[in-house]
Amino acid sequence: MQSGKQKRGAMLAQRIGRKTKAEANGKALVLGSTYQDLAFACRDCGARQVWAADQLQWWYETTTGMMYSTTVRCPTCPRERQLACGGR
């Protein structure tokens, strides 16, 4: 039977092993307050757009958006779609 300290040590060793393995595969998760511009293609019109770092920060921190969510439409397409459906 392991003590609490031994269990914590084993869990820490597992985490370090998984982190090292993920970094070796190029799938390291960037932690901290660093945001980078994210390029995407609009789902409706196909235009290449960039989701700017300040927009990313607003989405994830201010509006508390889902962590793994990304934008799929350029800013004009949702407005046109809403007008076409009889929206505001």
PDB file of N, CA and C in Angstrom:
ATOM      1  N   MET A   1       0.854  -1.178   0.000  1.00  0.00           N
ATOM      2  CA  MET A   1       0.000   0.000   0.000  1.00  0.00           C
ATOM      3  C   MET A   1       0.896   1.235   0.000  1.00  0.00           C
ATOM      4  N   GLN A   2       0.555   2.203  -0.876  1.00  0.00           N
ATOM      5  CA  GLN A   2       1.359   3.413  -0.993  1.00  0.00           C
ATOM      6  C   GLN A   2       0.785   4.525  -0.124  1.00  0.00           C
ATOM      7  N   SER A   3       1.679   5.368   0.335  1.00  0.00           N
ATOM      8  CA  SER A   3       1.238   6.533   1.094  1.00  0.00           C
ATOM      9  C   SER A   3       0.769   7.613   0.114  1.00  0.00           C
ATOM     10  N   GLY A   4       0.155   8.640   0.637  1.00  0.00           N
ATOM     11  CA  GLY A   4      -0.310   9.747  -0.197  1.00  0.00           C
ATOM     12  C   GLY A   4       0.836  10.420  -0.939  1.00  0.00           C
ATOM     13  N   LYS A   5       1.967  10.568  -0.267  1.00  0.00           N
ATOM     14  CA  LYS A   5       3.133  11.198  -0.888  1.00  0.00           C
ATOM     15  C   LYS A   5       3.653  10.356  -2.043  1.00  0.00           C
ATOM     16  N   GLN A   6       3.659   9.039  -1.883  1.00  0.00           N
ATOM     17  CA  GLN A   6       4.119   8.146  -2.941  1.00  0.00           C
ATOM     18  C   GLN A   6       3.160   8.179  -4.139  1.00  0.00           C
ATOM     19  N   LYS A   7       1.851   8.239  -3.876  1.00  0.00           N
ATOM     20  CA  LYS A   7       0.859   8.313  -4.951  1.00  0.00           C
ATOM     21  C   LYS A   7       1.020   9.604  -5.749  1.00  0.00           C
ATOM     22  N   ARG A   8       1.215  10.725  -5.040  1.00  0.00           N
ATOM     23  CA  ARG A   8       1.416  12.012  -5.715  1.00  0.00           C
ATOM     24  C   ARG A   8       2.672  11.988  -6.572  1.00  0.00           C
ATOM     25  N   GLY A   9       3.737  11.369  -6.063  1.00  0.00           N
ATOM     26  CA  GLY A   9       4.977  11.250  -6.827  1.00  0.00           C
ATOM     27  C   GLY A   9       4.786  10.440  -8.099  1.00  0.00           C
ATOM     28  N   ALA A  10       4.029   9.346  -8.001  1.00  0.00           N
ATOM     29  CA  ALA A  10       3.763   8.506  -9.171  1.00  0.00           C
ATOM     30  C   ALA A  10       2.907   9.249 -10.192  1.00  0.00           C
ATOM     31  N   MET A  11       1.908   9.999  -9.717  1.00  0.00           N
ATOM     32  CA  MET A  11       1.055  10.777 -10.621  1.00  0.00           C
ATOM     33  C   MET A  11       1.869  11.853 -11.333  1.00  0.00           C
ATOM     34  N   LEU A  12       2.762  12.518 -10.627  1.00  0.00           N
ATOM     35  CA  LEU A  12       3.608  13.545 -11.224  1.00  0.00           C
ATOM     36  C   LEU A  12       4.518  12.946 -12.291  1.00  0.00           C
ATOM     37  N   ALA A  13       5.080  11.773 -12.005  1.00  0.00           N
ATOM     38  CA  ALA A  13       5.942  11.109 -12.981  1.00  0.00           C
ATOM     39  C   ALA A  13       5.157  10.755 -14.243  1.00  0.00           C
ATOM     40  N   GLN A  14       3.894  10.318 -14.097  1.00  0.00           N
ATOM     41  CA  GLN A  14       3.047  10.010 -15.248  1.00  0.00           C
ATOM     42  C   GLN A  14       2.795  11.265 -16.081  1.00  0.00           C
ATOM     43  N   ARG A  15       2.473  12.366 -15.421  1.00  0.00           N
ATOM     44  CA  ARG A  15       2.204  13.625 -16.136  1.00  0.00           C
ATOM     45  C   ARG A  15       3.423  14.077 -16.925  1.00  0.00           C
ATOM     46  N   ILE A  16       4.588  14.011 -16.294  1.00  0.00           N
ATOM     47  CA  ILE A  16       5.822  14.423 -16.968  1.00  0.00           C
ATOM     48  C   ILE A  16       6.083  13.522 -18.177  1.00  0.00           C
ATOM     49  N   GLY A  17       5.829  12.233 -18.024  1.00  0.00           N
ATOM     50  CA  GLY A  17       6.006  11.295 -19.133  1.00  0.00           C
ATOM     51  C   GLY A  17       5.069  11.597 -20.288  1.00  0.00           C
ATOM     52  N   ARG A  18       3.796  11.885 -19.988  1.00  0.00           N
ATOM     53  CA  ARG A  18       2.833  12.215 -21.042  1.00  0.00           C
ATOM     54  C   ARG A  18       3.203  13.516 -21.728  1.00  0.00           C
ATOM     55  N   LYS A  19       3.647  14.511 -20.952  1.00  0.00           N
ATOM     56  CA  LYS A  19       4.033  15.799 -21.521  1.00  0.00           C
ATOM     57  C   LYS A  19       5.227  15.638 -22.454  1.00  0.00           C
ATOM     58  N   THR A  20       6.214  14.864 -22.032  1.00  0.00           N
ATOM     59  CA  THR A  20       7.402  14.628 -22.853  1.00  0.00           C
ATOM     60  C   THR A  20       7.021  13.906 -24.142  1.00  0.00           C
ATOM     61  N   LYS A  21       6.121  12.928 -24.037  1.00  0.00           N
ATOM     62  CA  LYS A  21       5.683  12.179 -25.207  1.00  0.00           C
ATOM     63  C   LYS A  21       4.917  13.089 -26.167  1.00  0.00           C
ATOM     64  N   ALA A  22       4.040  13.953 -25.658  1.00  0.00           N
ATOM     65  CA  ALA A  22       3.267  14.869 -26.502  1.00  0.00           C
ATOM     66  C   ALA A  22       4.183  15.864 -27.192  1.00  0.00           C
ATOM     67  N   GLU A  23       5.196  16.366 -26.478  1.00  0.00           N
ATOM     68  CA  GLU A  23       6.127  17.312 -27.078  1.00  0.00           C
ATOM     69  C   GLU A  23       6.940  16.646 -28.179  1.00  0.00           C
ATOM     70  N   ALA A  24       7.275  15.374 -27.992  1.00  0.00           N
ATOM     71  CA  ALA A  24       8.039  14.649 -29.005  1.00  0.00           C
ATOM     72  C   ALA A  24       7.205  14.440 -30.268  1.00  0.00           C
ATOM     73  N   ASN A  25       5.881  14.312 -30.108  1.00  0.00           N
ATOM     74  CA  ASN A  25       4.983  14.139 -31.252  1.00  0.00           C
ATOM     75  C   ASN A  25       4.565  15.464 -31.872  1.00  0.00           C
ATOM     76  N   GLY A  26       5.001  16.573 -31.307  1.00  0.00           N
ATOM     77  CA  GLY A  26       4.642  17.879 -31.840  1.00  0.00           C
ATOM     78  C   GLY A  26       3.249  18.329 -31.463  1.00  0.00           C
ATOM     79  N   LYS A  27       2.669  17.759 -30.424  1.00  0.00           N
ATOM     80  CA  LYS A  27       1.313  18.096 -30.015  1.00  0.00           C
ATOM     81  C   LYS A  27       1.296  18.790 -28.658  1.00  0.00           C
ATOM     82  N   ALA A  28       2.306  19.575 -28.374  1.00  0.00           N
ATOM     83  CA  ALA A  28       2.387  20.220 -27.069  1.00  0.00           C
ATOM     84  C   ALA A  28       1.312  21.286 -26.943  1.00  0.00           C
ATOM     85  N   LEU A  29       0.629  21.317 -25.829  1.00  0.00           N
ATOM     86  CA  LEU A  29      -0.384  22.317 -25.547  1.00  0.00           C
ATOM     87  C   LEU A  29       0.294  23.541 -24.960  1.00  0.00           C
ATOM     88  N   VAL A  30       0.036  24.691 -25.539  1.00  0.00           N
ATOM     89  CA  VAL A  30       0.658  25.919 -25.066  1.00  0.00           C
ATOM     90  C   VAL A  30      -0.193  26.462 -23.922  1.00  0.00           C
ATOM     91  N   LEU A  31       0.402  26.576 -22.768  1.00  0.00           N
ATOM     92  CA  LEU A  31      -0.295  27.104 -21.609  1.00  0.00           C
ATOM     93  C   LEU A  31       0.183  28.517 -21.337  1.00  0.00           C
ATOM     94  N   GLY A  32      -0.624  29.278 -20.680  1.00  0.00           N
ATOM     95  CA  GLY A  32      -0.245  30.646 -20.361  1.00  0.00           C
ATOM     96  C   GLY A  32      -1.143  31.619 -21.098  1.00  0.00           C
ATOM     97  N   SER A  33      -0.742  32.850 -21.151  1.00  0.00           N
ATOM     98  CA  SER A  33      -1.566  33.886 -21.765  1.00  0.00           C
ATOM     99  C   SER A  33      -1.040  34.271 -23.142  1.00  0.00           C
ATOM    100  N   THR A  34      -0.560  33.310 -23.904  1.00  0.00           N
ATOM    101  CA  THR A  34      -0.039  33.574 -25.229  1.00  0.00           C
ATOM    102  C   THR A  34      -1.076  33.182 -26.268  1.00  0.00           C
ATOM    103  N   TYR A  35      -1.467  34.134 -27.087  1.00  0.00           N
ATOM    104  CA  TYR A  35      -2.394  33.872 -28.173  1.00  0.00           C
ATOM    105  C   TYR A  35      -1.709  34.205 -29.479  1.00  0.00           C
ATOM    106  N   GLN A  36      -1.976  33.424 -30.502  1.00  0.00           N
ATOM    107  CA  GLN A  36      -1.398  33.652 -31.819  1.00  0.00           C
ATOM    108  C   GLN A  36      -2.522  33.726 -32.835  1.00  0.00           C
ATOM    109  N   ASP A  37      -2.304  34.508 -33.911  1.00  0.00           N
ATOM    110  CA  ASP A  37      -3.288  34.614 -34.974  1.00  0.00           C
ATOM    111  C   ASP A  37      -3.567  33.231 -35.558  1.00  0.00           C
ATOM    112  N   LEU A  38      -4.832  32.976 -35.876  1.00  0.00           N
ATOM    113  CA  LEU A  38      -5.246  31.678 -36.387  1.00  0.00           C
ATOM    114  C   LEU A  38      -5.877  31.866 -37.759  1.00  0.00           C
ATOM    115  N   ALA A  39      -5.273  31.290 -38.787  1.00  0.00           N
ATOM    116  CA  ALA A  39      -5.804  31.386 -40.142  1.00  0.00           C
ATOM    117  C   ALA A  39      -6.879  30.321 -40.345  1.00  0.00           C
ATOM    118  N   PHE A  40      -7.949  30.680 -41.085  1.00  0.00           N
ATOM    119  CA  PHE A  40      -9.013  29.727 -41.384  1.00  0.00           C
ATOM    120  C   PHE A  40      -9.675  30.108 -42.698  1.00  0.00           C
ATOM    121  N   ALA A  41     -10.402  29.179 -43.276  1.00  0.00           N
ATOM    122  CA  ALA A  41     -11.178  29.434 -44.488  1.00  0.00           C
ATOM    123  C   ALA A  41     -12.651  29.442 -44.103  1.00  0.00           C
ATOM    124  N   CYS A  42     -13.376  30.449 -44.581  1.00  0.00           N
ATOM    125  CA  CYS A  42     -14.800  30.577 -44.264  1.00  0.00           C
ATOM    126  C   CYS A  42     -15.563  29.377 -44.826  1.00  0.00           C
ATOM    127  N   ARG A  43     -16.467  28.846 -44.023  1.00  0.00           N
ATOM    128  CA  ARG A  43     -17.235  27.672 -44.422  1.00  0.00           C
ATOM    129  C   ARG A  43     -18.212  27.994 -45.553  1.00  0.00           C
ATOM    130  N   ASP A  44     -18.750  29.226 -45.587  1.00  0.00           N
ATOM    131  CA  ASP A  44     -19.752  29.582 -46.588  1.00  0.00           C
ATOM    132  C   ASP A  44     -19.141  30.089 -47.888  1.00  0.00           C
ATOM    133  N   CYS A  45     -18.266  31.096 -47.801  1.00  0.00           N
ATOM    134  CA  CYS A  45     -17.745  31.722 -49.020  1.00  0.00           C
ATOM    135  C   CYS A  45     -16.346  31.255 -49.389  1.00  0.00           C
ATOM    136  N   GLY A  46     -15.651  30.579 -48.510  1.00  0.00           N
ATOM    137  CA  GLY A  46     -14.324  30.052 -48.800  1.00  0.00           C
ATOM    138  C   GLY A  46     -13.204  31.071 -48.701  1.00  0.00           C
ATOM    139  N   ALA A  47     -13.505  32.289 -48.267  1.00  0.00           N
ATOM    140  CA  ALA A  47     -12.485  33.334 -48.153  1.00  0.00           C
ATOM    141  C   ALA A  47     -11.515  33.000 -47.032  1.00  0.00           C
ATOM    142  N   ARG A  48     -10.242  33.253 -47.282  1.00  0.00           N
ATOM    143  CA  ARG A  48      -9.214  33.050 -46.259  1.00  0.00           C
ATOM    144  C   ARG A  48      -9.267  34.225 -45.296  1.00  0.00           C
ATOM    145  N   GLN A  49      -9.353  33.958 -44.002  1.00  0.00           N
ATOM    146  CA  GLN A  49      -9.445  34.976 -42.968  1.00  0.00           C
ATOM    147  C   GLN A  49      -8.438  34.657 -41.870  1.00  0.00           C
ATOM    148  N   VAL A  50      -8.228  35.627 -40.990  1.00  0.00           N
ATOM    149  CA  VAL A  50      -7.360  35.437 -39.829  1.00  0.00           C
ATOM    150  C   VAL A  50      -8.145  35.821 -38.588  1.00  0.00           C
ATOM    151  N   TRP A  51      -8.190  34.911 -37.631  1.00  0.00           N
ATOM    152  CA  TRP A  51      -8.784  35.195 -36.326  1.00  0.00           C
ATOM    153  C   TRP A  51      -7.655  35.766 -35.491  1.00  0.00           C
ATOM    154  N   ALA A  52      -7.680  37.074 -35.253  1.00  0.00           N
ATOM    155  CA  ALA A  52      -6.583  37.785 -34.605  1.00  0.00           C
ATOM    156  C   ALA A  52      -6.423  37.355 -33.144  1.00  0.00           C
ATOM    157  N   ALA A  53      -5.214  37.530 -32.627  1.00  0.00           N
ATOM    158  CA  ALA A  53      -4.887  37.122 -31.265  1.00  0.00           C
ATOM    159  C   ALA A  53      -5.757  37.848 -30.238  1.00  0.00           C
ATOM    160  N   ASP A  54      -6.039  39.145 -30.456  1.00  0.00           N
ATOM    161  CA  ASP A  54      -6.877  39.872 -29.498  1.00  0.00           C
ATOM    162  C   ASP A  54      -8.318  39.376 -29.537  1.00  0.00           C
ATOM    163  N   GLN A  55      -8.804  38.933 -30.703  1.00  0.00           N
ATOM    164  CA  GLN A  55     -10.137  38.346 -30.792  1.00  0.00           C
ATOM    165  C   GLN A  55     -10.178  36.991 -30.078  1.00  0.00           C
ATOM    166  N   LEU A  56      -9.115  36.221 -30.241  1.00  0.00           N
ATOM    167  CA  LEU A  56      -9.025  34.939 -29.534  1.00  0.00           C
ATOM    168  C   LEU A  56      -9.080  35.140 -28.027  1.00  0.00           C
ATOM    169  N   GLN A  57      -8.315  36.096 -27.536  1.00  0.00           N
ATOM    170  CA  GLN A  57      -8.282  36.360 -26.104  1.00  0.00           C
ATOM    171  C   GLN A  57      -9.666  36.788 -25.613  1.00  0.00           C
ATOM    172  N   TRP A  58     -10.334  37.659 -26.386  1.00  0.00           N
ATOM    173  CA  TRP A  58     -11.690  38.096 -26.007  1.00  0.00           C
ATOM    174  C   TRP A  58     -12.627  36.903 -25.952  1.00  0.00           C
ATOM    175  N   TRP A  59     -12.563  36.034 -26.972  1.00  0.00           N
ATOM    176  CA  TRP A  59     -13.471  34.894 -27.033  1.00  0.00           C
ATOM    177  C   TRP A  59     -13.263  33.935 -25.867  1.00  0.00           C
ATOM    178  N   TYR A  60     -12.026  33.594 -25.578  1.00  0.00           N
ATOM    179  CA  TYR A  60     -11.763  32.586 -24.559  1.00  0.00           C
ATOM    180  C   TYR A  60     -11.820  33.129 -23.134  1.00  0.00           C
ATOM    181  N   GLU A  61     -11.454  34.390 -22.915  1.00  0.00           N
ATOM    182  CA  GLU A  61     -11.378  34.910 -21.551  1.00  0.00           C
ATOM    183  C   GLU A  61     -12.586  35.752 -21.156  1.00  0.00           C
ATOM    184  N   THR A  62     -13.069  36.605 -22.034  1.00  0.00           N
ATOM    185  CA  THR A  62     -14.177  37.488 -21.682  1.00  0.00           C
ATOM    186  C   THR A  62     -15.516  36.780 -21.812  1.00  0.00           C
ATOM    187  N   THR A  63     -15.741  36.132 -22.959  1.00  0.00           N
ATOM    188  CA  THR A  63     -17.017  35.462 -23.169  1.00  0.00           C
ATOM    189  C   THR A  63     -17.013  34.032 -22.651  1.00  0.00           C
ATOM    190  N   THR A  64     -15.866  33.580 -22.182  1.00  0.00           N
ATOM    191  CA  THR A  64     -15.657  32.213 -21.693  1.00  0.00           C
ATOM    192  C   THR A  64     -16.138  31.183 -22.720  1.00  0.00           C
ATOM    193  N   GLY A  65     -15.654  31.337 -23.954  1.00  0.00           N
ATOM    194  CA  GLY A  65     -15.969  30.391 -25.025  1.00  0.00           C
ATOM    195  C   GLY A  65     -15.331  29.038 -24.752  1.00  0.00           C
ATOM    196  N   MET A  66     -15.841  28.026 -25.403  1.00  0.00           N
ATOM    197  CA  MET A  66     -15.317  26.673 -25.234  1.00  0.00           C
ATOM    198  C   MET A  66     -13.837  26.649 -25.616  1.00  0.00           C
ATOM    199  N   MET A  67     -13.032  25.906 -24.891  1.00  0.00           N
ATOM    200  CA  MET A  67     -11.585  25.925 -25.066  1.00  0.00           C
ATOM    201  C   MET A  67     -11.143  25.473 -26.454  1.00  0.00           C
ATOM    202  N   TYR A  68     -11.779  24.480 -27.010  1.00  0.00           N
ATOM    203  CA  TYR A  68     -11.345  23.938 -28.292  1.00  0.00           C
ATOM    204  C   TYR A  68     -12.192  24.432 -29.460  1.00  0.00           C
ATOM    205  N   SER A  69     -12.992  25.478 -29.253  1.00  0.00           N
ATOM    206  CA  SER A  69     -13.803  25.996 -30.341  1.00  0.00           C
ATOM    207  C   SER A  69     -12.998  26.969 -31.202  1.00  0.00           C
ATOM    208  N   THR A  70     -13.324  27.016 -32.474  1.00  0.00           N
ATOM    209  CA  THR A  70     -12.705  27.959 -33.399  1.00  0.00           C
ATOM    210  C   THR A  70     -13.787  28.560 -34.271  1.00  0.00           C
ATOM    211  N   THR A  71     -13.468  29.658 -34.928  1.00  0.00           N
ATOM    212  CA  THR A  71     -14.421  30.284 -35.822  1.00  0.00           C
ATOM    213  C   THR A  71     -14.409  29.560 -37.162  1.00  0.00           C
ATOM    214  N   VAL A  72     -15.555  29.504 -37.829  1.00  0.00           N
ATOM    215  CA  VAL A  72     -15.640  28.830 -39.121  1.00  0.00           C
ATOM    216  C   VAL A  72     -16.177  29.740 -40.216  1.00  0.00           C
ATOM    217  N   ARG A  73     -16.669  30.932 -39.852  1.00  0.00           N
ATOM    218  CA  ARG A  73     -17.214  31.853 -40.842  1.00  0.00           C
ATOM    219  C   ARG A  73     -16.577  33.230 -40.709  1.00  0.00           C
ATOM    220  N   CYS A  74     -16.419  33.913 -41.845  1.00  0.00           N
ATOM    221  CA  CYS A  74     -15.908  35.281 -41.821  1.00  0.00           C
ATOM    222  C   CYS A  74     -16.987  36.196 -41.239  1.00  0.00           C
ATOM    223  N   PRO A  75     -16.661  37.414 -40.826  1.00  0.00           N
ATOM    224  CA  PRO A  75     -17.637  38.276 -40.164  1.00  0.00           C
ATOM    225  C   PRO A  75     -18.861  38.637 -41.009  1.00  0.00           C
ATOM    226  N   THR A  76     -18.745  38.685 -42.325  1.00  0.00           N
ATOM    227  CA  THR A  76     -19.882  39.097 -43.154  1.00  0.00           C
ATOM    228  C   THR A  76     -20.881  37.976 -43.408  1.00  0.00           C
ATOM    229  N   CYS A  77     -20.444  36.742 -43.486  1.00  0.00           N
ATOM    230  CA  CYS A  77     -21.342  35.627 -43.810  1.00  0.00           C
ATOM    231  C   CYS A  77     -22.461  35.411 -42.788  1.00  0.00           C
ATOM    232  N   PRO A  78     -22.212  35.448 -41.497  1.00  0.00           N
ATOM    233  CA  PRO A  78     -23.328  35.273 -40.557  1.00  0.00           C
ATOM    234  C   PRO A  78     -24.374  36.385 -40.681  1.00  0.00           C
ATOM    235  N   ARG A  79     -23.922  37.619 -40.943  1.00  0.00           N
ATOM    236  CA  ARG A  79     -24.875  38.724 -41.112  1.00  0.00           C
ATOM    237  C   ARG A  79     -25.749  38.505 -42.346  1.00  0.00           C
ATOM    238  N   GLU A  80     -25.117  38.115 -43.467  1.00  0.00           N
ATOM    239  CA  GLU A  80     -25.881  37.863 -44.689  1.00  0.00           C
ATOM    240  C   GLU A  80     -26.843  36.700 -44.493  1.00  0.00           C
ATOM    241  N   ARG A  81     -26.420  35.701 -43.814  1.00  0.00           N
ATOM    242  CA  ARG A  81     -27.256  34.532 -43.554  1.00  0.00           C
ATOM    243  C   ARG A  81     -28.462  34.900 -42.699  1.00  0.00           C
ATOM    244  N   GLN A  82     -28.212  35.760 -41.703  1.00  0.00           N
ATOM    245  CA  GLN A  82     -29.291  36.194 -40.811  1.00  0.00           C
ATOM    246  C   GLN A  82     -30.307  37.029 -41.586  1.00  0.00           C
ATOM    247  N   LEU A  83     -29.854  37.928 -42.453  1.00  0.00           N
ATOM    248  CA  LEU A  83     -30.748  38.742 -43.257  1.00  0.00           C
ATOM    249  C   LEU A  83     -31.527  37.890 -44.250  1.00  0.00           C
ATOM    250  N   ALA A  84     -30.895  36.887 -44.831  1.00  0.00           N
ATOM    251  CA  ALA A  84     -31.560  36.007 -45.781  1.00  0.00           C
ATOM    252  C   ALA A  84     -32.675  35.194 -45.112  1.00  0.00           C
ATOM    253  N   CYS A  85     -32.506  34.897 -43.836  1.00  0.00           N
ATOM    254  CA  CYS A  85     -33.508  34.124 -43.097  1.00  0.00           C
ATOM    255  C   CYS A  85     -34.585  35.004 -42.464  1.00  0.00           C
ATOM    256  N   GLY A  86     -34.546  36.306 -42.771  1.00  0.00           N
ATOM    257  CA  GLY A  86     -35.543  37.220 -42.222  1.00  0.00           C
ATOM    258  C   GLY A  86     -35.219  37.705 -40.824  1.00  0.00           C
ATOM    259  N   GLY A  87     -33.957  37.711 -40.474  1.00  0.00           N
ATOM    260  CA  GLY A  87     -33.548  38.168 -39.138  1.00  0.00           C
ATOM    261  C   GLY A  87     -33.586  39.666 -39.034  1.00  0.00           C
ATOM    262  N   ARG A  88     -32.959  40.189 -38.032  1.00  0.00           N
ATOM    263  CA  ARG A  88     -32.972  41.616 -37.712  1.00  0.00           C
ATOM    264  C   ARG A  88     -32.609  42.438 -38.867  1.00  0.00           C
TER     265      ARG A  88
END
